[in-house]
Protein backbone atom coordinates (compact mmCIF):
# COMPACT_ATOMS: atom_id res chain seq x y z
CA MET A 1 -21.21 7.81 -13.94
CA VAL A 2 -23.57 7.78 -16.92
CA GLU A 3 -21.72 10.03 -18.36
CA VAL A 4 -17.88 7.72 -17.98
CA LEU A 5 -19.86 4.76 -19.11
CA LYS A 6 -21.11 6.44 -22.51
CA LYS A 7 -17.29 6.30 -23.57
CA TYR A 8 -17.46 2.82 -23.21
CA ILE A 9 -20.67 1.66 -23.95
CA PRO A 10 -23.71 2.54 -26.36
CA GLU A 11 -24.90 5.94 -25.08
CA ARG A 12 -28.44 4.13 -24.92
CA ALA A 13 -27.32 1.41 -22.76
CA ALA A 14 -25.58 3.65 -19.95
CA ALA A 15 -28.08 4.57 -17.65
CA PRO A 16 -29.44 0.86 -17.93
CA VAL A 17 -26.23 -0.56 -17.02
CA PHE A 18 -25.41 1.98 -14.57
CA ALA A 19 -28.60 1.03 -12.31
CA LEU A 20 -27.23 -2.67 -12.46
CA ILE A 21 -23.85 -1.56 -10.91
CA LYS A 22 -25.45 0.35 -8.48
CA GLU A 23 -27.86 -2.23 -7.54
CA HIS A 24 -25.60 -5.29 -7.46
CA ALA A 25 -22.41 -2.57 -5.44
CA VAL A 26 -19.68 -3.18 -8.34
CA TYR A 27 -16.47 -1.52 -8.13
CA LEU A 28 -16.01 -1.57 -12.05
CA LYS A 29 -12.27 -0.97 -13.11
CA ILE A 30 -11.37 -0.51 -16.62
CA VAL A 31 -7.86 -2.40 -17.46
CA ASN A 32 -5.30 -2.46 -20.03
CA GLU A 33 -5.77 -5.09 -22.62
CA ARG A 34 -5.15 -9.00 -21.53
CA VAL A 35 -5.11 -11.02 -24.06
CA THR A 36 -6.45 -14.17 -22.43
CA ARG A 37 -9.98 -12.57 -21.15
CA HIS A 38 -11.90 -9.63 -22.16
CA GLY A 39 -13.22 -9.23 -18.01
CA ASP A 40 -13.31 -11.25 -15.21
CA TYR A 41 -15.37 -10.73 -11.76
CA ARG A 42 -13.90 -11.67 -8.42
CA ILE A 43 -14.93 -10.86 -4.92
CA LEU A 44 -12.32 -9.27 -3.13
CA ALA A 45 -11.31 -9.61 0.50
CA ASP A 46 -13.04 -7.27 2.04
CA GLY A 47 -16.47 -8.75 0.58
CA GLN A 48 -16.50 -6.15 -2.36
CA HIS A 49 -17.90 -7.26 -5.67
CA GLN A 50 -14.75 -6.19 -8.73
CA ILE A 51 -15.52 -6.65 -12.23
CA THR A 52 -12.49 -5.90 -14.65
CA ILE A 53 -13.16 -5.25 -18.44
CA ASN A 54 -10.30 -4.63 -21.02
CA VAL A 55 -10.17 -0.56 -22.21
CA SER A 56 -9.53 -1.85 -25.59
CA LEU A 57 -13.28 -3.55 -26.48
CA ASN A 58 -15.06 -1.77 -29.15
CA GLN A 59 -18.51 -0.35 -27.63
CA TYR A 60 -20.91 -3.95 -28.57
CA ARG A 61 -18.21 -6.42 -27.06
CA PHE A 62 -17.32 -3.86 -24.03
CA LEU A 63 -21.16 -4.16 -23.04
CA VAL A 64 -21.41 -7.79 -23.83
CA THR A 65 -18.55 -8.54 -21.62
CA LEU A 66 -19.50 -6.32 -18.62
CA VAL A 67 -22.92 -7.96 -18.52
CA HIS A 68 -21.37 -11.52 -18.76
CA GLU A 69 -19.64 -10.72 -15.55
CA ILE A 70 -22.69 -8.98 -13.79
CA ALA A 71 -24.20 -12.23 -14.48
CA HIS A 72 -21.49 -14.03 -12.66
CA LEU A 73 -22.23 -12.09 -9.66
CA VAL A 74 -25.95 -12.24 -9.99
CA ALA A 75 -25.88 -15.79 -10.33
CA PHE A 76 -23.56 -16.17 -7.53
CA LYS A 77 -25.54 -14.13 -4.51
CA LYS A 78 -28.87 -16.06 -6.18
CA TYR A 79 -27.88 -19.60 -6.39
CA GLY A 80 -24.77 -19.78 -3.84
CA ARG A 81 -21.15 -20.19 -4.80
CA ALA A 82 -21.11 -24.04 -5.83
CA ILE A 83 -22.44 -23.45 -9.14
CA LYS A 84 -20.54 -24.10 -12.13
CA PRO A 85 -19.13 -20.67 -13.33
CA HIS A 86 -20.74 -21.01 -16.83
CA GLY A 87 -23.49 -23.70 -16.17
CA LYS A 88 -27.24 -23.61 -16.08
CA GLU A 89 -27.90 -20.74 -13.64
CA TRP A 90 -25.18 -18.41 -15.10
CA LYS A 91 -26.71 -18.67 -18.27
CA HIS A 92 -30.25 -18.33 -17.46
CA THR A 93 -28.65 -14.65 -15.52
CA PHE A 94 -26.78 -13.70 -18.23
CA GLN A 95 -30.05 -14.24 -20.96
CA PHE A 96 -32.51 -12.49 -18.07
CA LEU A 97 -29.83 -9.50 -17.88
CA MET A 98 -28.80 -8.82 -21.49
CA LEU A 99 -32.37 -9.08 -23.05
CA PRO A 100 -33.10 -5.70 -22.29
CA PHE A 101 -29.98 -4.47 -24.67
CA ILE A 102 -31.15 -6.63 -27.66
CA ARG A 103 -32.51 -3.68 -28.94
CA PRO A 104 -31.72 -1.64 -32.05
CA GLU A 105 -31.45 1.47 -30.71
CA ILE A 106 -28.50 -0.01 -28.46
CA PHE A 107 -26.90 -2.15 -30.93
CA PRO A 108 -26.80 -1.92 -34.63
CA SER A 109 -29.15 -4.25 -37.27
CA ASP A 110 -26.21 -6.59 -38.38
CA LEU A 111 -25.26 -7.77 -34.85
CA LEU A 112 -28.84 -8.43 -33.79
CA PRO A 113 -29.22 -12.02 -35.28
CA TYR A 114 -26.06 -13.37 -34.14
CA LEU A 115 -26.87 -11.67 -30.47
CA ALA A 116 -30.38 -13.24 -31.27
CA ARG A 117 -28.29 -16.64 -31.97
CA HIS A 118 -25.73 -16.68 -29.18
CA PHE A 119 -28.22 -15.73 -26.26
CA LYS A 120 -30.50 -18.79 -26.99
CA ASN A 121 -27.67 -20.63 -25.00
CA PRO A 122 -24.87 -18.61 -23.86
CA LYS A 123 -21.42 -20.02 -24.38
CA ALA A 124 -18.71 -19.36 -21.56
CA SER A 125 -17.04 -16.62 -23.88
CA SER A 126 -18.57 -14.35 -27.05
CA ASP A 127 -15.26 -15.66 -28.69
CA THR A 128 -16.10 -19.40 -28.23
CA ASP A 129 -19.01 -18.19 -30.89
CA ALA A 130 -17.24 -17.89 -33.67
CA HIS A 131 -20.15 -16.20 -35.97
CA LEU A 132 -20.79 -13.64 -33.42
CA SER A 133 -16.78 -12.91 -32.51
CA VAL A 134 -16.49 -12.42 -36.54
CA ALA A 135 -19.52 -9.92 -36.10
CA LEU A 136 -18.15 -7.96 -33.51
CA LYS A 137 -15.03 -7.82 -34.41
CA ASN A 138 -16.20 -5.23 -37.58
CA TYR A 139 -16.59 -2.90 -35.20
CA ASP A 140 -12.78 -2.98 -33.86
CA PRO A 141 -10.03 -0.65 -35.48
CA PRO A 142 -8.47 -1.68 -38.61
CA SER A 143 -5.66 -4.44 -37.38
CA ASN A 144 -3.32 -6.65 -40.06
CA LYS A 145 -4.12 -9.75 -37.98
CA ASN A 146 -5.89 -12.61 -40.03
CA TYR A 147 -8.41 -15.29 -38.51
CA ILE A 148 -7.07 -19.00 -38.51
CA PHE A 149 -10.21 -19.99 -40.86
CA GLU A 150 -9.06 -17.67 -43.47
CA LEU A 151 -5.67 -19.05 -44.05
CA PRO A 152 -4.89 -21.39 -46.63
CA MET A 153 -3.72 -24.77 -45.25
CA GLY A 154 -0.31 -25.63 -44.40
CA SER A 155 0.10 -22.03 -43.46
CA THR A 156 2.80 -20.72 -41.10
CA PHE A 157 1.74 -18.13 -38.46
CA GLN A 158 2.30 -16.34 -34.96
CA ILE A 159 0.45 -16.47 -31.84
CA TYR A 160 -0.12 -13.77 -29.45
CA ASN A 161 3.03 -14.93 -27.22
CA GLY A 162 5.56 -15.73 -30.07
CA LYS A 163 4.49 -19.03 -31.02
CA ILE A 164 4.97 -20.42 -34.10
CA PHE A 165 2.33 -23.14 -35.74
CA LYS A 166 1.45 -24.64 -39.06
CA LYS A 167 -1.96 -24.78 -39.85
CA GLY A 168 -3.36 -28.48 -40.58
CA LYS A 169 -6.89 -29.97 -41.19
CA LYS A 170 -10.22 -28.89 -39.85
CA ARG A 171 -11.86 -31.09 -36.99
CA VAL A 172 -15.45 -30.76 -36.22
CA LYS A 173 -15.43 -26.59 -35.53
CA ARG A 174 -11.63 -26.51 -34.68
CA TYR A 175 -8.30 -26.39 -36.61
CA GLU A 176 -5.55 -28.92 -35.92
CA CYS A 177 -2.18 -26.88 -35.88
CA ILE A 178 1.23 -27.72 -35.54
CA GLU A 179 3.73 -25.86 -32.92
CA VAL A 180 6.40 -25.68 -35.46
CA SER A 181 9.49 -26.00 -32.78
CA THR A 182 7.56 -28.92 -30.86
CA GLY A 183 6.02 -31.02 -33.43
CA ARG A 184 2.68 -30.97 -30.48
CA THR A 185 -0.75 -30.86 -32.17
CA TYR A 186 -3.07 -28.02 -30.54
CA LEU A 187 -6.69 -27.34 -31.36
CA PHE A 188 -7.39 -23.60 -32.51
CA GLN A 189 -10.69 -21.87 -32.84
CA PRO A 190 -11.78 -20.65 -36.36
CA ASN A 191 -11.49 -16.85 -35.12
CA ALA A 192 -8.57 -17.00 -33.35
CA GLU A 193 -6.62 -14.08 -34.72
CA VAL A 194 -3.24 -14.25 -35.45
CA ASP A 195 -0.11 -13.09 -37.51
CA ILE A 196 0.75 -14.83 -40.87
CA ILE A 197 4.33 -15.41 -41.49
CA ASP A 198 5.50 -15.14 -45.18
């Protein structure tokens, strides 16, 4: 299993991650890409703890996502199922589990400051932290997609489901964008990846 993990996460992280998987009896399933999530955790009908992670993630995002999902399992076991999925119990658990991995032997030095800042108060998704998301994206294979924050005001773009939007003004952290077919306004994270339409 350690050798299999080395295909998906940094080599130095494989043995300690395997120890976590074994300790918490995780059934790890690597799946085809899902646009709306990087991974998830659920208890199956037979009581087994299943974690699914997208195969398409780069090794650093895969590691963060896997530990994120293991933190759900550990927090629910420790505090009960009544806790909020991304509440303080999960945050403390995620910080505790992730801390041993935030080292230069595992993550490149340019990612370490973003990870350190993120884990002061971890978000429900690494994508919600625009700075960390963009830093992690640098380790993805090249793509022709653009981030919303890179597009000029008034640009037209398409998202994964084919819907077309026009970029509007920034509202605190997110951008107001108008869906062209309905005229409805939606808010987009600055690091949302889209296809620009000429």
